[in-house]
Protein backbone atom coordinates (compact mmCIF):
# COMPACT_ATOMS: atom_id res chain seq x y z
CA MET A 1 -0.20 -0.16 0.00
CA ASN A 2 1.29 3.13 -0.93
CA ARG A 3 1.12 6.71 0.95
CA GLU A 4 -1.68 7.80 -1.35
CA GLU A 5 -3.69 4.53 -0.94
CA TRP A 6 -3.08 4.51 3.02
CA VAL A 7 -4.10 8.13 2.98
CA ARG A 8 -7.32 7.56 1.54
CA ALA A 9 -8.22 4.50 3.14
CA PHE A 10 -7.72 6.52 6.59
CA CYS A 11 -9.96 9.31 5.37
CA GLU A 12 -12.93 7.02 4.15
CA GLN A 13 -12.46 5.74 8.01
CA ILE A 14 -12.64 8.71 9.56
CA GLY A 15 -15.45 10.11 7.15
CA VAL A 16 -13.31 12.98 5.60
CA GLU A 17 -12.05 13.74 1.78
CA PRO A 18 -8.63 12.83 1.48
CA PRO A 19 -6.17 15.86 0.86
CA THR A 20 -5.83 16.80 -2.77
CA GLY A 21 -2.15 16.44 -4.64
CA GLU A 22 -1.77 20.23 -3.64
CA GLU A 23 -2.81 19.91 -0.21
CA ALA A 24 -0.86 17.14 0.21
CA GLU A 25 2.17 18.55 -1.18
CA ALA A 26 1.65 21.93 1.53
CA LEU A 27 1.04 19.63 4.23
CA LEU A 28 4.49 17.42 3.52
CA LYS A 29 6.07 21.09 3.52
CA LEU A 30 4.77 22.25 6.75
CA ALA A 31 5.50 19.02 8.27
CA ALA A 32 9.15 19.23 6.75
CA THR A 33 9.30 22.77 8.50
CA ALA A 34 8.23 21.81 11.73
CA ALA A 35 10.46 18.81 11.71
CA HIS A 36 14.01 20.26 10.79
CA SER A 37 13.22 23.87 12.59
CA SER A 38 12.24 22.06 16.01
CA GLU A 39 12.21 18.40 17.04
CA ARG A 40 10.84 15.85 14.82
CA PRO A 41 7.46 15.30 17.16
CA ALA A 42 6.80 18.98 15.94
CA ALA A 43 5.80 17.42 12.34
CA PRO A 44 2.77 15.29 13.14
CA LEU A 45 1.56 17.89 15.95
CA ALA A 46 1.94 20.83 13.50
CA CYS A 47 -0.27 19.01 11.12
CA TRP A 48 -2.79 17.76 13.87
CA ALA A 49 -2.98 21.49 14.75
CA ALA A 50 -3.37 22.52 10.94
CA GLY A 51 -6.34 20.18 10.47
CA ARG A 52 -8.26 21.86 13.45
CA SER A 53 -7.19 25.39 12.06
CA GLY A 54 -9.21 25.51 9.24
CA ILE A 55 -6.57 27.61 7.41
CA PRO A 56 -6.02 26.54 3.56
CA ALA A 57 -2.97 24.13 3.03
CA ALA A 58 -1.65 26.41 0.86
CA ASP A 59 -1.41 29.23 3.49
CA LEU A 60 0.23 26.80 6.45
CA HIS A 61 3.57 26.32 4.91
CA GLU A 62 4.19 30.17 4.88
CA ILE A 63 2.99 30.55 8.49
CA ALA A 64 5.61 27.62 9.57
CA GLU A 65 8.62 29.41 7.52
CA ARG A 66 7.55 32.75 9.45
CA ILE A 67 8.19 30.98 13.00
CA ALA A 68 11.09 29.05 11.53
CA PRO A 69 14.37 30.06 13.09
CA PRO A 70 16.91 31.29 10.40
CA ALA A 71 19.07 29.06 8.93
CA PRO A 72 22.89 29.12 10.05
């Protein structure tokens, strides 16, 4: 089972539409920013908060980038 199949099955079980390709990519960028600018557990927690926020996925990475520390 690949990533898309798993997410589709999970979304079906919890009664939500799976993310579009664009939404999935935006959420993966959010998770990467959270994991690389903090501790790895920040990634799933940021995605959980993002899902509850109602903010479009396209805007979430931009928000995460604003709070990420500058690169050395």
